[in-house]
C-alpha atoms as a PDB file:
ATOM      1  CA  UNK A   1     -58.653 -98.079 144.690  1.00  0.00           C
ATOM      2  CA  UNK A   2     -57.802-100.319 142.055  1.00  0.00           C
ATOM      3  CA  UNK A   3     -59.401-103.811 140.898  1.00  0.00           C
ATOM      4  CA  UNK A   4     -62.881-103.125 141.094  1.00  0.00           C
ATOM      5  CA  UNK A   5     -63.760-102.796 137.879  1.00  0.00           C
ATOM      6  CA  UNK A   6     -62.824-107.091 136.808  1.00  0.00           C
ATOM      7  CA  UNK A   7     -64.968-108.287 133.723  1.00  0.00           C
ATOM      8  CA  UNK A   8     -66.621-111.171 134.563  1.00  0.00           C
ATOM      9  CA  UNK A   9     -66.003-113.780 131.205  1.00  0.00           C
ATOM     10  CA  UNK A  10     -68.881-115.648 132.243  1.00  0.00           C
ATOM     11  CA  UNK A  11     -71.872-112.798 130.918  1.00  0.00           C
ATOM     12  CA  UNK A  12     -69.995-111.699 127.816  1.00  0.00           C
ATOM     13  CA  UNK A  13     -70.099-112.654 124.023  1.00  0.00           C
ATOM     14  CA  UNK A  14     -67.180-113.514 122.225  1.00  0.00           C
ATOM     15  CA  UNK A  15     -67.103-110.811 120.761  1.00  0.00           C
ATOM     16  CA  UNK A  16     -66.863-108.330 124.529  1.00  0.00           C
ATOM     17  CA  UNK A  17     -64.435-110.672 125.744  1.00  0.00           C
ATOM     18  CA  UNK A  18     -61.700-110.661 122.897  1.00  0.00           C
ATOM     19  CA  UNK A  19     -62.330-107.118 122.664  1.00  0.00           C
ATOM     20  CA  UNK A  20     -61.360-106.305 126.599  1.00  0.00           C
ATOM     21  CA  UNK A  21     -58.487-108.568 126.202  1.00  0.00           C
ATOM     22  CA  UNK A  22     -57.347-106.459 123.885  1.00  0.00           C
ATOM     23  CA  UNK A  23     -57.448-103.191 125.648  1.00  0.00           C
ATOM     24  CA  UNK A  24     -56.740-104.674 128.812  1.00  0.00           C
ATOM     25  CA  UNK A  25     -53.268-105.742 126.870  1.00  0.00           C
ATOM     26  CA  UNK A  26     -52.853-102.924 125.413  1.00  0.00           C
ATOM     27  CA  UNK A  27     -52.393-101.013 128.574  1.00  0.00           C
ATOM     28  CA  UNK A  28     -50.453-103.464 129.403  1.00  0.00           C
ATOM     29  CA  UNK A  29     -48.289-102.977 125.824  1.00  0.00           C
ATOM     30  CA  UNK A  30     -48.840 -99.221 126.738  1.00  0.00           C
ATOM     31  CA  UNK A  31     -47.149 -99.514 130.100  1.00  0.00           C
ATOM     32  CA  UNK A  32     -44.077-101.560 128.715  1.00  0.00           C
ATOM     33  CA  UNK A  33     -43.374 -99.846 125.590  1.00  0.00           C
ATOM     34  CA  UNK A  34     -43.295 -96.422 127.213  1.00  0.00           C
ATOM     35  CA  UNK A  35     -42.568 -97.225 130.805  1.00  0.00           C
ATOM     36  CA  UNK A  36     -40.805-100.083 131.419  1.00  0.00           C
ATOM     37  CA  UNK A  37     -40.730-103.582 132.314  1.00  0.00           C
ATOM     38  CA  UNK A  38     -41.290-102.789 135.700  1.00  0.00           C
ATOM     39  CA  UNK A  39     -44.723-101.181 135.321  1.00  0.00           C
ATOM     40  CA  UNK A  40     -46.592-103.572 133.669  1.00  0.00           C
ATOM     41  CA  UNK A  41     -46.879-105.325 137.280  1.00  0.00           C
ATOM     42  CA  UNK A  42     -49.032-101.782 138.167  1.00  0.00           C
ATOM     43  CA  UNK A  43     -51.709-102.727 135.464  1.00  0.00           C
ATOM     44  CA  UNK A  44     -54.890-101.785 136.686  1.00  0.00           C
ATOM     45  CA  UNK A  45     -58.805-103.129 135.468  1.00  0.00           C
ATOM     46  CA  UNK A  46     -59.926 -99.858 135.871  1.00  0.00           C
ATOM     47  CA  UNK A  47     -57.243 -97.817 133.804  1.00  0.00           C
ATOM     48  CA  UNK A  48     -58.357-100.670 131.046  1.00  0.00           C
ATOM     49  CA  UNK A  49     -61.511 -98.936 131.366  1.00  0.00           C
ATOM     50  CA  UNK A  50     -60.426 -95.709 130.353  1.00  0.00           C
ATOM     51  CA  UNK A  51     -59.343 -97.106 127.380  1.00  0.00           C
ATOM     52  CA  UNK A  52     -61.931 -98.393 126.432  1.00  0.00           C
ATOM     53  CA  UNK A  53     -63.724 -95.475 126.814  1.00  0.00           C
ATOM     54  CA  UNK A  54     -61.125 -94.136 124.504  1.00  0.00           C
ATOM     55  CA  UNK A  55     -61.326 -96.431 121.763  1.00  0.00           C
ATOM     56  CA  UNK A  56     -57.827 -95.606 121.207  1.00  0.00           C
ATOM     57  CA  UNK A  57     -57.690 -99.592 119.672  1.00  0.00           C
ATOM     58  CA  UNK A  58     -57.789 -99.539 116.356  1.00  0.00           C
ATOM     59  CA  UNK A  59     -58.625-102.967 115.822  1.00  0.00           C
ATOM     60  CA  UNK A  60     -59.999-104.425 119.303  1.00  0.00           C
ATOM     61  CA  UNK A  61     -61.178-107.570 117.719  1.00  0.00           C
ATOM     62  CA  UNK A  62     -58.209-109.081 116.476  1.00  0.00           C
ATOM     63  CA  UNK A  63     -56.160-111.507 117.668  1.00  0.00           C
ATOM     64  CA  UNK A  64     -54.286-110.679 120.560  1.00  0.00           C
ATOM     65  CA  UNK A  65     -50.480-110.242 120.531  1.00  0.00           C
ATOM     66  CA  UNK A  66     -48.554-112.507 122.657  1.00  0.00           C
ATOM     67  CA  UNK A  67     -48.014-111.287 126.129  1.00  0.00           C
ATOM     68  CA  UNK A  68     -43.911-111.435 125.808  1.00  0.00           C
ATOM     69  CA  UNK A  69     -44.278-110.307 121.976  1.00  0.00           C
ATOM     70  CA  UNK A  70     -41.659-107.917 120.316  1.00  0.00           C
ATOM     71  CA  UNK A  71     -42.664-107.031 116.524  1.00  0.00           C
ATOM     72  CA  UNK A  72     -42.335-103.633 115.641  1.00  0.00           C
ATOM     73  CA  UNK A  73     -45.994-103.921 114.563  1.00  0.00           C
ATOM     74  CA  UNK A  74     -46.953-103.904 118.317  1.00  0.00           C
ATOM     75  CA  UNK A  75     -44.132-101.625 119.319  1.00  0.00           C
ATOM     76  CA  UNK A  76     -45.362 -99.054 116.733  1.00  0.00           C
ATOM     77  CA  UNK A  77     -49.057 -99.743 118.000  1.00  0.00           C
ATOM     78  CA  UNK A  78     -48.766 -99.039 121.615  1.00  0.00           C
ATOM     79  CA  UNK A  79     -45.884 -96.910 121.643  1.00  0.00           C
ATOM     80  CA  UNK A  80     -46.897 -92.986 122.291  1.00  0.00           C
ATOM     81  CA  UNK A  81     -50.622 -91.758 121.753  1.00  0.00           C
ATOM     82  CA  UNK A  82     -53.471 -92.544 123.308  1.00  0.00           C
ATOM     83  CA  UNK A  83     -52.153 -95.751 125.110  1.00  0.00           C
ATOM     84  CA  UNK A  84     -49.166 -93.492 126.253  1.00  0.00           C
ATOM     85  CA  UNK A  85     -51.499 -91.591 127.620  1.00  0.00           C
ATOM     86  CA  UNK A  86     -53.545 -94.232 129.919  1.00  0.00           C
ATOM     87  CA  UNK A  87     -50.295 -95.547 130.773  1.00  0.00           C
ATOM     88  CA  UNK A  88     -49.244 -92.239 132.146  1.00  0.00           C
ATOM     89  CA  UNK A  89     -52.898 -91.914 134.259  1.00  0.00           C
ATOM     90  CA  UNK A  90     -52.075 -95.412 135.617  1.00  0.00           C
ATOM     91  CA  UNK A  91     -48.488 -94.287 137.223  1.00  0.00           C
ATOM     92  CA  UNK A  92     -49.591 -91.389 138.281  1.00  0.00           C
ATOM     93  CA  UNK A  93     -52.645 -93.034 140.563  1.00  0.00           C
ATOM     94  CA  UNK A  94     -50.096 -95.733 141.694  1.00  0.00           C
ATOM     95  CA  UNK A  95     -47.979 -92.575 142.474  1.00  0.00           C
ATOM     96  CA  UNK A  96     -50.905 -91.149 144.756  1.00  0.00           C
ATOM     97  CA  UNK A  97     -51.688 -94.843 146.197  1.00  0.00           C
ATOM     98  CA  UNK A  98     -48.170 -94.923 146.791  1.00  0.00           C
ATOM     99  CA  UNK A  99     -47.279 -91.751 148.078  1.00  0.00           C
ATOM    100  CA  UNK A 100     -51.090 -92.478 150.292  1.00  0.00           C
ATOM    101  CA  UNK A 101     -49.518 -96.109 151.847  1.00  0.00           C
ATOM    102  CA  UNK A 102     -45.787 -94.684 152.970  1.00  0.00           C
ATOM    103  CA  UNK A 103     -47.260 -91.816 154.495  1.00  0.00           C
ATOM    104  CA  UNK A 104     -50.191 -93.795 156.279  1.00  0.00           C
ATOM    105  CA  UNK A 105     -49.264 -97.290 156.891  1.00  0.00           C
ATOM    106  CA  UNK A 106     -45.026 -96.495 156.791  1.00  0.00           C
ATOM    107  CA  UNK A 107     -45.357 -99.351 154.016  1.00  0.00           C
ATOM    108  CA  UNK A 108     -41.515-100.469 153.689  1.00  0.00           C
ATOM    109  CA  UNK A 109     -42.670-102.568 150.056  1.00  0.00           C
ATOM    110  CA  UNK A 110     -44.747 -98.947 148.810  1.00  0.00           C
ATOM    111  CA  UNK A 111     -41.220 -97.571 149.803  1.00  0.00           C
ATOM    112  CA  UNK A 112     -39.438 -99.692 147.567  1.00  0.00           C
ATOM    113  CA  UNK A 113     -41.881 -99.066 144.989  1.00  0.00           C
ATOM    114  CA  UNK A 114     -41.485 -95.265 144.819  1.00  0.00           C
ATOM    115  CA  UNK A 115     -37.435 -95.707 144.562  1.00  0.00           C
ATOM    116  CA  UNK A 116     -37.941 -98.665 141.696  1.00  0.00           C
ATOM    117  CA  UNK A 117     -40.446 -96.748 139.524  1.00  0.00           C
ATOM    118  CA  UNK A 118     -39.383 -93.295 140.776  1.00  0.00           C
ATOM    119  CA  UNK A 119     -37.648 -92.279 137.404  1.00  0.00           C
ATOM    120  CA  UNK A 120     -40.899 -93.579 135.582  1.00  0.00           C
ATOM    121  CA  UNK A 121     -43.601 -91.542 137.471  1.00  0.00           C
ATOM    122  CA  UNK A 122     -41.405 -88.045 136.540  1.00  0.00           C
ATOM    123  CA  UNK A 123     -41.048 -88.982 133.177  1.00  0.00           C
ATOM    124  CA  UNK A 124     -44.864 -89.267 133.390  1.00  0.00           C
ATOM    125  CA  UNK A 125     -44.938 -86.039 135.233  1.00  0.00           C
ATOM    126  CA  UNK A 126     -42.697 -84.220 133.270  1.00  0.00           C
ATOM    127  CA  UNK A 127     -44.839 -85.619 129.580  1.00  0.00           C
ATOM    128  CA  UNK A 128     -48.310 -84.896 130.727  1.00  0.00           C
ATOM    129  CA  UNK A 129     -47.817 -82.084 133.721  1.00  0.00           C
ATOM    130  CA  UNK A 130     -50.834 -81.165 132.896  1.00  0.00           C
ATOM    131  CA  UNK A 131     -52.966 -84.756 133.583  1.00  0.00           C
ATOM    132  CA  UNK A 132     -50.202 -84.787 136.622  1.00  0.00           C
ATOM    133  CA  UNK A 133     -51.131 -81.570 138.328  1.00  0.00           C
ATOM    134  CA  UNK A 134     -54.962 -82.634 138.196  1.00  0.00           C
ATOM    135  CA  UNK A 135     -54.380 -86.193 139.793  1.00  0.00           C
ATOM    136  CA  UNK A 136     -52.017 -84.039 142.584  1.00  0.00           C
ATOM    137  CA  UNK A 137     -54.717 -81.714 143.647  1.00  0.00           C
ATOM    138  CA  UNK A 138     -57.446 -84.310 143.171  1.00  0.00           C
ATOM    139  CA  UNK A 139     -55.907 -86.462 145.422  1.00  0.00           C
ATOM    140  CA  UNK A 140     -54.601 -83.324 148.066  1.00  0.00           C
ATOM    141  CA  UNK A 141     -58.032 -82.187 147.670  1.00  0.00           C
ATOM    142  CA  UNK A 142     -59.334 -85.349 149.238  1.00  0.00           C
ATOM    143  CA  UNK A 143     -56.840 -85.923 151.918  1.00  0.00           C
ATOM    144  CA  UNK A 144     -57.854 -82.587 153.049  1.00  0.00           C
ATOM    145  CA  UNK A 145     -62.125 -83.526 153.039  1.00  0.00           C
ATOM    146  CA  UNK A 146     -60.771 -86.682 154.649  1.00  0.00           C
ATOM    147  CA  UNK A 147     -59.016 -84.885 157.519  1.00  0.00           C
ATOM    148  CA  UNK A 148     -62.057 -82.571 157.835  1.00  0.00           C
ATOM    149  CA  UNK A 149     -64.078 -85.891 157.975  1.00  0.00           C
ATOM    150  CA  UNK A 150     -66.269 -85.039 155.545  1.00  0.00           C
ATOM    151  CA  UNK A 151     -69.498 -86.810 154.535  1.00  0.00           C
ATOM    152  CA  UNK A 152     -68.677 -89.765 151.799  1.00  0.00           C
ATOM    153  CA  UNK A 153     -70.990 -87.974 149.246  1.00  0.00           C
ATOM    154  CA  UNK A 154     -68.427 -84.976 149.226  1.00  0.00           C
ATOM    155  CA  UNK A 155     -65.441 -86.684 148.748  1.00  0.00           C
ATOM    156  CA  UNK A 156     -67.456 -89.118 146.620  1.00  0.00           C
ATOM    157  CA  UNK A 157     -67.838 -86.178 144.348  1.00  0.00           C
ATOM    158  CA  UNK A 158     -64.507 -84.584 144.633  1.00  0.00           C
ATOM    159  CA  UNK A 159     -62.403 -87.792 143.403  1.00  0.00           C
ATOM    160  CA  UNK A 160     -65.228 -87.459 140.079  1.00  0.00           C
ATOM    161  CA  UNK A 161     -64.143 -84.203 139.400  1.00  0.00           C
ATOM    162  CA  UNK A 162     -60.797 -85.462 139.266  1.00  0.00           C
ATOM    163  CA  UNK A 163     -61.296 -88.265 137.168  1.00  0.00           C
ATOM    164  CA  UNK A 164     -63.478 -86.457 134.432  1.00  0.00           C
ATOM    165  CA  UNK A 165     -60.773 -83.123 134.871  1.00  0.00           C
ATOM    166  CA  UNK A 166     -58.159 -85.677 133.975  1.00  0.00           C
ATOM    167  CA  UNK A 167     -59.308 -87.801 131.542  1.00  0.00           C
ATOM    168  CA  UNK A 168     -60.643 -84.533 129.958  1.00  0.00           C
ATOM    169  CA  UNK A 169     -56.677 -83.568 129.631  1.00  0.00           C
ATOM    170  CA  UNK A 170     -56.328 -86.568 126.850  1.00  0.00           C
ATOM    171  CA  UNK A 171     -59.275 -85.460 124.263  1.00  0.00           C
ATOM    172  CA  UNK A 172     -62.656 -83.545 124.552  1.00  0.00           C
ATOM    173  CA  UNK A 173     -65.574 -85.457 126.276  1.00  0.00           C
ATOM    174  CA  UNK A 174     -68.864 -86.004 124.804  1.00  0.00           C
ATOM    175  CA  UNK A 175     -71.688 -84.848 127.593  1.00  0.00           C
ATOM    176  CA  UNK A 176     -72.044 -89.262 128.265  1.00  0.00           C
ATOM    177  CA  UNK A 177     -68.741 -89.968 128.653  1.00  0.00           C
ATOM    178  CA  UNK A 178     -68.307 -87.141 131.706  1.00  0.00           C
ATOM    179  CA  UNK A 179     -71.278 -88.638 133.350  1.00  0.00           C
ATOM    180  CA  UNK A 180     -69.930 -92.215 132.429  1.00  0.00           C
ATOM    181  CA  UNK A 181     -66.477 -91.022 134.438  1.00  0.00           C
ATOM    182  CA  UNK A 182     -68.267 -89.449 137.030  1.00  0.00           C
ATOM    183  CA  UNK A 183     -71.114 -91.970 138.251  1.00  0.00           C
ATOM    184  CA  UNK A 184     -67.988 -94.927 138.203  1.00  0.00           C
ATOM    185  CA  UNK A 185     -65.988 -93.014 139.944  1.00  0.00           C
ATOM    186  CA  UNK A 186     -68.233 -92.446 142.448  1.00  0.00           C
ATOM    187  CA  UNK A 187     -69.246 -96.232 142.647  1.00  0.00           C
ATOM    188  CA  UNK A 188     -65.456 -96.841 142.863  1.00  0.00           C
ATOM    189  CA  UNK A 189     -64.966 -94.761 145.890  1.00  0.00           C
ATOM    190  CA  UNK A 190     -68.364 -96.084 147.754  1.00  0.00           C
ATOM    191  CA  UNK A 191     -67.410 -99.764 147.075  1.00  0.00           C
ATOM    192  CA  UNK A 192     -63.960 -99.335 148.153  1.00  0.00           C
ATOM    193  CA  UNK A 193     -64.878 -97.518 151.963  1.00  0.00           C
ATOM    194  CA  UNK A 194     -67.429-100.054 152.063  1.00  0.00           C
ATOM    195  CA  UNK A 195     -64.802-103.055 151.651  1.00  0.00           C
ATOM    196  CA  UNK A 196     -61.697-101.608 153.720  1.00  0.00           C
ATOM    197  CA  UNK A 197     -64.364-100.789 156.714  1.00  0.00           C
ATOM    198  CA  UNK A 198     -63.128-103.091 158.591  1.00  0.00           C
ATOM    199  CA  UNK A 199     -59.305-103.052 158.424  1.00  0.00           C
ATOM    200  CA  UNK A 200     -59.977 -99.506 158.846  1.00  0.00           C
ATOM    201  CA  UNK A 201     -61.331 -99.706 161.798  1.00  0.00           C
ATOM    202  CA  UNK A 202     -58.883-102.012 162.790  1.00  0.00           C
ATOM    203  CA  UNK A 203     -55.801 -99.695 161.883  1.00  0.00           C
ATOM    204  CA  UNK A 204     -57.239 -96.611 163.107  1.00  0.00           C
ATOM    205  CA  UNK A 205     -57.484 -95.126 159.493  1.00  0.00           C
ATOM    206  CA  UNK A 206     -60.386 -92.621 158.571  1.00  0.00           C
ATOM    207  CA  UNK A 207     -63.144 -94.194 156.657  1.00  0.00           C
ATOM    208  CA  UNK A 208     -66.041 -91.945 155.802  1.00  0.00           C
ATOM    209  CA  UNK A 209     -68.520 -94.644 156.729  1.00  0.00           C
ATOM    210  CA  UNK A 210     -67.265 -95.575 159.866  1.00  0.00           C
ATOM    211  CA  UNK A 211     -69.222 -95.996 163.086  1.00  0.00           C
ATOM    212  CA  UNK A 212     -68.221 -95.723 166.848  1.00  0.00           C
ATOM    213  CA  UNK A 213     -70.797 -98.242 167.288  1.00  0.00           C
ATOM    214  CA  UNK A 214     -70.287-100.608 164.717  1.00  0.00           C
ATOM    215  CA  UNK A 215     -66.286-102.352 164.874  1.00  0.00           C
ATOM    216  CA  UNK A 216     -66.960-105.024 162.275  1.00  0.00           C
ATOM    217  CA  UNK A 217     -68.319-104.872 158.771  1.00  0.00           C
ATOM    218  CA  UNK A 218     -70.944-107.509 159.730  1.00  0.00           C
ATOM    219  CA  UNK A 219     -71.813-105.458 162.931  1.00  0.00           C
ATOM    220  CA  UNK A 220     -72.116-102.136 160.552  1.00  0.00           C
ATOM    221  CA  UNK A 221     -74.231-103.832 157.760  1.00  0.00           C
ATOM    222  CA  UNK A 222     -76.338-105.299 160.396  1.00  0.00           C
ATOM    223  CA  UNK A 223     -76.938-101.817 161.964  1.00  0.00           C
ATOM    224  CA  UNK A 224     -76.889 -99.703 159.180  1.00  0.00           C
ATOM    225  CA  UNK A 225     -78.229-101.254 156.407  1.00  0.00           C
ATOM    226  CA  UNK A 226     -81.026 -98.996 155.615  1.00  0.00           C
ATOM    227  CA  UNK A 227     -78.271 -96.215 155.092  1.00  0.00           C
ATOM    228  CA  UNK A 228     -76.262 -98.914 153.063  1.00  0.00           C
ATOM    229  CA  UNK A 229     -79.721 -98.868 150.544  1.00  0.00           C
ATOM    230  CA  UNK A 230     -79.586 -95.458 151.018  1.00  0.00           C
ATOM    231  CA  UNK A 231     -76.319 -94.869 149.651  1.00  0.00           C
ATOM    232  CA  UNK A 232     -76.409 -97.394 146.919  1.00  0.00           C
ATOM    233  CA  UNK A 233     -79.549 -96.175 145.059  1.00  0.00           C
ATOM    234  CA  UNK A 234     -78.489 -92.630 145.274  1.00  0.00           C
ATOM    235  CA  UNK A 235     -75.331 -93.929 143.282  1.00  0.00           C
ATOM    236  CA  UNK A 236     -77.999 -96.259 140.975  1.00  0.00           C
ATOM    237  CA  UNK A 237     -79.669 -93.431 140.050  1.00  0.00           C
ATOM    238  CA  UNK A 238     -76.567 -91.937 138.476  1.00  0.00           C
ATOM    239  CA  UNK A 239     -76.110 -95.252 136.785  1.00  0.00           C
ATOM    240  CA  UNK A 240     -79.349 -95.863 135.185  1.00  0.00           C
ATOM    241  CA  UNK A 241     -79.288 -91.883 134.104  1.00  0.00           C
ATOM    242  CA  UNK A 242     -75.788 -92.488 132.086  1.00  0.00           C
ATOM    243  CA  UNK A 243     -77.425 -96.246 130.678  1.00  0.00           C
ATOM    244  CA  UNK A 244     -80.001 -94.712 129.241  1.00  0.00           C
ATOM    245  CA  UNK A 245     -77.933 -92.228 127.059  1.00  0.00           C
ATOM    246  CA  UNK A 246     -75.042 -95.085 126.373  1.00  0.00           C
ATOM    247  CA  UNK A 247     -74.698 -95.368 122.439  1.00  0.00           C
ATOM    248  CA  UNK A 248     -74.767 -99.031 121.799  1.00  0.00           C
ATOM    249  CA  UNK A 249     -72.954 -99.086 117.893  1.00  0.00           C
ATOM    250  CA  UNK A 250     -69.879-100.804 118.609  1.00  0.00           C
ATOM    251  CA  UNK A 251     -68.223-103.806 120.674  1.00  0.00           C
ATOM    252  CA  UNK A 252     -66.807-100.881 123.134  1.00  0.00           C
ATOM    253  CA  UNK A 253     -70.134 -99.385 123.932  1.00  0.00           C
ATOM    254  CA  UNK A 254     -71.613-103.152 124.420  1.00  0.00           C
ATOM    255  CA  UNK A 255     -69.009-103.461 126.711  1.00  0.00           C
ATOM    256  CA  UNK A 256     -69.022-100.282 128.577  1.00  0.00           C
ATOM    257  CA  UNK A 257     -73.357-101.225 129.194  1.00  0.00           C
ATOM    258  CA  UNK A 258     -72.154-104.353 130.143  1.00  0.00           C
ATOM    259  CA  UNK A 259     -70.192-102.846 132.776  1.00  0.00           C
ATOM    260  CA  UNK A 260     -73.314-101.018 134.580  1.00  0.00           C
ATOM    261  CA  UNK A 261     -75.371-103.813 134.593  1.00  0.00           C
ATOM    262  CA  UNK A 262     -73.346-106.874 135.047  1.00  0.00           C
ATOM    263  CA  UNK A 263     -69.978-106.224 136.834  1.00  0.00           C
ATOM    264  CA  UNK A 264     -70.959-103.363 139.365  1.00  0.00           C
ATOM    265  CA  UNK A 265     -73.880-105.457 140.540  1.00  0.00           C
ATOM    266  CA  UNK A 266     -71.761-108.587 140.730  1.00  0.00           C
ATOM    267  CA  UNK A 267     -69.014-106.538 141.984  1.00  0.00           C
ATOM    268  CA  UNK A 268     -71.360-105.013 144.902  1.00  0.00           C
ATOM    269  CA  UNK A 269     -72.982-108.179 145.623  1.00  0.00           C
ATOM    270  CA  UNK A 270     -69.710-109.618 146.980  1.00  0.00           C
ATOM    271  CA  UNK A 271     -68.746-106.453 148.700  1.00  0.00           C
ATOM    272  CA  UNK A 272     -71.557-106.694 150.960  1.00  0.00           C
ATOM    273  CA  UNK A 273     -71.808-110.478 150.987  1.00  0.00           C
ATOM    274  CA  UNK A 274     -68.801-109.771 152.837  1.00  0.00           C
ATOM    275  CA  UNK A 275     -66.142-111.801 150.711  1.00  0.00           C
ATOM    276  CA  UNK A 276     -62.111-110.237 150.239  1.00  0.00           C
ATOM    277  CA  UNK A 277     -61.367-110.452 146.514  1.00  0.00           C
ATOM    278  CA  UNK A 278     -58.168-112.673 145.994  1.00  0.00           C
ATOM    279  CA  UNK A 279     -55.357-110.292 145.139  1.00  0.00           C
ATOM    280  CA  UNK A 280     -51.831-111.132 144.186  1.00  0.00           C
ATOM    281  CA  UNK A 281     -48.873-109.968 146.067  1.00  0.00           C
ATOM    282  CA  UNK A 282     -45.313-109.990 145.111  1.00  0.00           C
ATOM    283  CA  UNK A 283     -43.730-113.738 146.150  1.00  0.00           C
ATOM    284  CA  UNK A 284     -44.249-117.262 144.814  1.00  0.00           C
ATOM    285  CA  UNK A 285     -47.140-117.728 143.607  1.00  0.00           C
ATOM    286  CA  UNK A 286     -47.247-121.463 144.794  1.00  0.00           C
ATOM    287  CA  UNK A 287     -46.741-119.605 148.432  1.00  0.00           C
ATOM    288  CA  UNK A 288     -49.652-117.807 147.351  1.00  0.00           C
ATOM    289  CA  UNK A 289     -52.123-120.426 146.886  1.00  0.00           C
ATOM    290  CA  UNK A 290     -50.850-122.268 149.647  1.00  0.00           C
ATOM    291  CA  UNK A 291     -52.073-120.011 151.779  1.00  0.00           C
ATOM    292  CA  UNK A 292     -55.255-119.794 150.107  1.00  0.00           C
ATOM    293  CA  UNK A 293     -55.714-123.462 150.474  1.00  0.00           C
END
């Protein structure tokens, strides 16, 4: 359920690009300086968005630090505080994903990941017990709803509750921030279910959108296009409502607005077209590139 909130630089101003890069790199440095080098492999676009929402970067338009920067200024900026909270959320969310992959898919990669990151995850759980409890309880409620074959709207609501409650443990949220987190969370859950439809059907995994008479993504979109349209209209009504009350004073505010009006429609169109997002996997980059040629 990660990676759907990647920005499209072609439609961003120079200031927006630099601001986003600083938050994305800041989340990466936050993982490194608080939880070690290995944790940087788990960096998520979606958690970088939470950093933008909290406006935790003191100078988002500065020249970004080099990837392997080790200066004391860099360490001082990204160690502890809000960056540590964002890094902890990243780790705690990944932990639930790894647990899911181990239990449902018997994935050896996920099992190895849990072993490698076990100490760091326990550190995050100890430092932020309220956030850890909120995320663990939220996923437990989601799994319960999934076992009951609940409707997608109910599970979306549960996922949004979890993310809102988790972020409220970082700081007091304004009304528009709560609405923003909720509408984004609901969209992520739905678009992830839509994107994984065919794979879930093939592996006989739960998917709230699954229909017995549609074994492929093409069949589902062809037979149930009206249902998909109703679902997207429901999600976009929430997005439009948040867009109306979203502030626009800072570069971060404009980035958040662009995500609603540019990134989400573009990603939705990609998923509906049936095109899969290219994701880097462990192993040789050249080997992975060769598979795509």
